[in-house]
Amino acid sequence: MSNGNTPPPGSYQQTSQNVVFTPDGGGGGTLTALCQKIDGSWVQSTLKYDVANCNGVLTYGGC
């Protein structure tokens, strides 16, 4: 189990910098990173992160 501030794993980490996961206190949070585009430029990006257990099935974005 993570410490609550560790960014979730994923291939995005290969082309992202300054990755920060901010927990929301309810099991989800916000993932923010500086992400490289195909043309080599960088853009700030944010994703609401919420994985839920819906009656025994893991889902993204709540039940």
N, C-alpha and C. Protein backbone atom coordinates (compact mmCIF):
# COMPACT_ATOMS: atom_id res chain seq x y z
N MET A 1 0.84 -1.18 0.00
CA MET A 1 0.00 0.00 0.00
C MET A 1 0.88 1.24 0.00
N SER A 2 0.49 2.27 -0.74
CA SER A 2 1.30 3.48 -0.83
C SER A 2 1.08 4.35 0.41
N ASN A 3 1.93 5.37 0.52
CA ASN A 3 1.84 6.28 1.66
C ASN A 3 0.79 7.36 1.46
N GLY A 4 0.06 7.34 0.36
CA GLY A 4 -0.99 8.32 0.12
C GLY A 4 -0.55 9.47 -0.75
N ASN A 5 0.76 9.70 -0.87
CA ASN A 5 1.25 10.80 -1.71
C ASN A 5 2.06 10.28 -2.89
N THR A 6 2.24 8.98 -3.00
CA THR A 6 3.00 8.40 -4.09
C THR A 6 2.14 8.40 -5.35
N PRO A 7 2.65 8.97 -6.46
CA PRO A 7 1.86 8.94 -7.69
C PRO A 7 1.61 7.51 -8.14
N PRO A 8 0.43 7.24 -8.72
CA PRO A 8 0.14 5.90 -9.21
C PRO A 8 1.09 5.53 -10.34
N PRO A 9 1.44 4.24 -10.46
CA PRO A 9 2.34 3.83 -11.54
C PRO A 9 1.68 3.99 -12.90
N GLY A 10 2.49 4.08 -13.91
CA GLY A 10 1.97 4.17 -15.26
C GLY A 10 3.03 4.63 -16.23
N SER A 11 2.79 4.39 -17.51
CA SER A 11 3.76 4.76 -18.54
C SER A 11 3.92 6.27 -18.66
N TYR A 12 2.95 7.05 -18.18
CA TYR A 12 3.04 8.51 -18.23
C TYR A 12 4.33 9.01 -17.57
N GLN A 13 4.84 8.26 -16.60
CA GLN A 13 6.03 8.70 -15.85
C GLN A 13 7.26 8.77 -16.73
N GLN A 14 7.27 8.05 -17.86
CA GLN A 14 8.42 8.06 -18.77
C GLN A 14 8.57 9.39 -19.50
N THR A 15 7.47 10.12 -19.66
CA THR A 15 7.49 11.37 -20.41
C THR A 15 6.87 12.51 -19.62
N SER A 16 6.96 12.42 -18.29
CA SER A 16 6.41 13.47 -17.42
C SER A 16 7.43 13.87 -16.37
N GLN A 17 7.33 15.12 -15.95
CA GLN A 17 8.19 15.65 -14.91
C GLN A 17 7.33 16.30 -13.84
N ASN A 18 7.94 16.53 -12.68
CA ASN A 18 7.24 17.22 -11.58
C ASN A 18 5.89 16.58 -11.28
N VAL A 19 5.86 15.26 -11.24
CA VAL A 19 4.62 14.52 -10.98
C VAL A 19 4.28 14.63 -9.50
N VAL A 20 3.06 15.08 -9.21
CA VAL A 20 2.59 15.25 -7.84
C VAL A 20 1.21 14.64 -7.71
N PHE A 21 1.02 13.81 -6.68
CA PHE A 21 -0.30 13.28 -6.37
C PHE A 21 -0.76 13.91 -5.07
N THR A 22 -1.91 14.58 -5.10
CA THR A 22 -2.47 15.23 -3.92
C THR A 22 -3.74 14.49 -3.52
N PRO A 23 -3.70 13.73 -2.40
CA PRO A 23 -4.90 13.00 -1.96
C PRO A 23 -6.03 13.95 -1.60
N ASP A 24 -7.27 13.49 -1.81
CA ASP A 24 -8.43 14.31 -1.46
C ASP A 24 -9.04 13.91 -0.13
N GLY A 25 -8.45 12.90 0.54
CA GLY A 25 -8.97 12.46 1.83
C GLY A 25 -10.07 11.42 1.72
N GLY A 26 -10.54 11.15 0.51
CA GLY A 26 -11.61 10.18 0.33
C GLY A 26 -11.21 8.99 -0.51
N GLY A 27 -9.92 8.75 -0.67
CA GLY A 27 -9.44 7.62 -1.45
C GLY A 27 -9.01 7.98 -2.85
N GLY A 28 -9.33 9.16 -3.30
CA GLY A 28 -8.92 9.63 -4.63
C GLY A 28 -7.95 10.78 -4.48
N GLY A 29 -7.88 11.58 -5.50
CA GLY A 29 -7.01 12.74 -5.45
C GLY A 29 -6.81 13.34 -6.82
N THR A 30 -5.81 14.20 -6.90
CA THR A 30 -5.49 14.88 -8.14
C THR A 30 -4.05 14.58 -8.51
N LEU A 31 -3.85 14.17 -9.74
CA LEU A 31 -2.53 13.90 -10.28
C LEU A 31 -2.18 15.06 -11.20
N THR A 32 -1.06 15.71 -10.93
CA THR A 32 -0.61 16.85 -11.72
C THR A 32 0.81 16.58 -12.20
N ALA A 33 1.10 16.93 -13.45
CA ALA A 33 2.43 16.70 -14.00
C ALA A 33 2.69 17.64 -15.17
N LEU A 34 3.96 17.83 -15.45
CA LEU A 34 4.39 18.51 -16.65
C LEU A 34 4.63 17.41 -17.67
N CYS A 35 3.83 17.37 -18.74
CA CYS A 35 3.84 16.26 -19.69
C CYS A 35 4.39 16.69 -21.04
N GLN A 36 5.25 15.84 -21.61
CA GLN A 36 5.85 16.14 -22.90
C GLN A 36 4.90 15.75 -24.04
N LYS A 37 4.76 16.66 -24.99
CA LYS A 37 3.94 16.42 -26.17
C LYS A 37 4.80 15.80 -27.27
N ILE A 38 4.17 15.29 -28.31
CA ILE A 38 4.87 14.65 -29.42
C ILE A 38 5.89 15.59 -30.06
N ASP A 39 5.57 16.90 -30.13
CA ASP A 39 6.49 17.86 -30.76
C ASP A 39 7.66 18.24 -29.85
N GLY A 40 7.72 17.65 -28.64
CA GLY A 40 8.82 17.92 -27.71
C GLY A 40 8.55 19.02 -26.71
N SER A 41 7.49 19.77 -26.90
CA SER A 41 7.15 20.83 -25.94
C SER A 41 6.51 20.21 -24.70
N TRP A 42 6.37 21.02 -23.67
CA TRP A 42 5.83 20.55 -22.39
C TRP A 42 4.58 21.33 -22.03
N VAL A 43 3.62 20.64 -21.40
CA VAL A 43 2.36 21.26 -20.99
C VAL A 43 1.98 20.74 -19.61
N GLN A 44 1.44 21.62 -18.78
CA GLN A 44 0.94 21.23 -17.46
C GLN A 44 -0.38 20.49 -17.64
N SER A 45 -0.53 19.36 -16.95
CA SER A 45 -1.74 18.57 -17.09
C SER A 45 -2.21 18.10 -15.71
N THR A 46 -3.52 18.00 -15.54
CA THR A 46 -4.12 17.58 -14.27
C THR A 46 -5.20 16.54 -14.55
N LEU A 47 -5.23 15.51 -13.68
CA LEU A 47 -6.22 14.44 -13.82
C LEU A 47 -6.83 14.15 -12.45
N LYS A 48 -8.15 14.15 -12.38
CA LYS A 48 -8.85 13.71 -11.16
C LYS A 48 -8.73 12.21 -11.10
N TYR A 49 -8.19 11.69 -10.01
CA TYR A 49 -7.92 10.26 -9.87
C TYR A 49 -8.85 9.68 -8.82
N ASP A 50 -9.69 8.71 -9.23
CA ASP A 50 -10.64 8.11 -8.31
C ASP A 50 -10.93 6.68 -8.73
N VAL A 51 -10.38 5.72 -7.99
CA VAL A 51 -10.66 4.31 -8.22
C VAL A 51 -11.54 3.82 -7.09
N ALA A 52 -12.63 3.15 -7.42
CA ALA A 52 -13.60 2.72 -6.41
C ALA A 52 -13.86 1.22 -6.51
N ASN A 53 -14.29 0.63 -5.42
CA ASN A 53 -14.76 -0.75 -5.39
C ASN A 53 -16.28 -0.70 -5.44
N CYS A 54 -16.82 -1.10 -6.58
CA CYS A 54 -18.28 -1.11 -6.76
C CYS A 54 -18.77 -2.54 -6.72
N ASN A 55 -19.17 -2.97 -5.53
CA ASN A 55 -19.70 -4.31 -5.34
C ASN A 55 -18.71 -5.39 -5.82
N GLY A 56 -17.44 -5.21 -5.45
CA GLY A 56 -16.42 -6.19 -5.78
C GLY A 56 -15.73 -6.00 -7.11
N VAL A 57 -16.05 -4.91 -7.82
CA VAL A 57 -15.43 -4.63 -9.11
C VAL A 57 -14.74 -3.29 -9.03
N LEU A 58 -13.42 -3.26 -9.36
CA LEU A 58 -12.71 -1.99 -9.37
C LEU A 58 -13.15 -1.18 -10.59
N THR A 59 -13.47 0.08 -10.35
CA THR A 59 -13.89 0.98 -11.42
C THR A 59 -13.13 2.29 -11.30
N TYR A 60 -13.10 3.04 -12.37
CA TYR A 60 -12.48 4.36 -12.36
C TYR A 60 -13.59 5.40 -12.37
N GLY A 61 -13.50 6.35 -11.45
CA GLY A 61 -14.48 7.44 -11.43
C GLY A 61 -15.65 7.21 -10.51
N GLY A 62 -15.57 6.25 -9.63
CA GLY A 62 -16.66 6.01 -8.67
C GLY A 62 -17.68 5.02 -9.20
N CYS A 63 -18.67 4.73 -8.36
CA CYS A 63 -19.71 3.75 -8.73
C CYS A 63 -20.85 4.41 -9.48
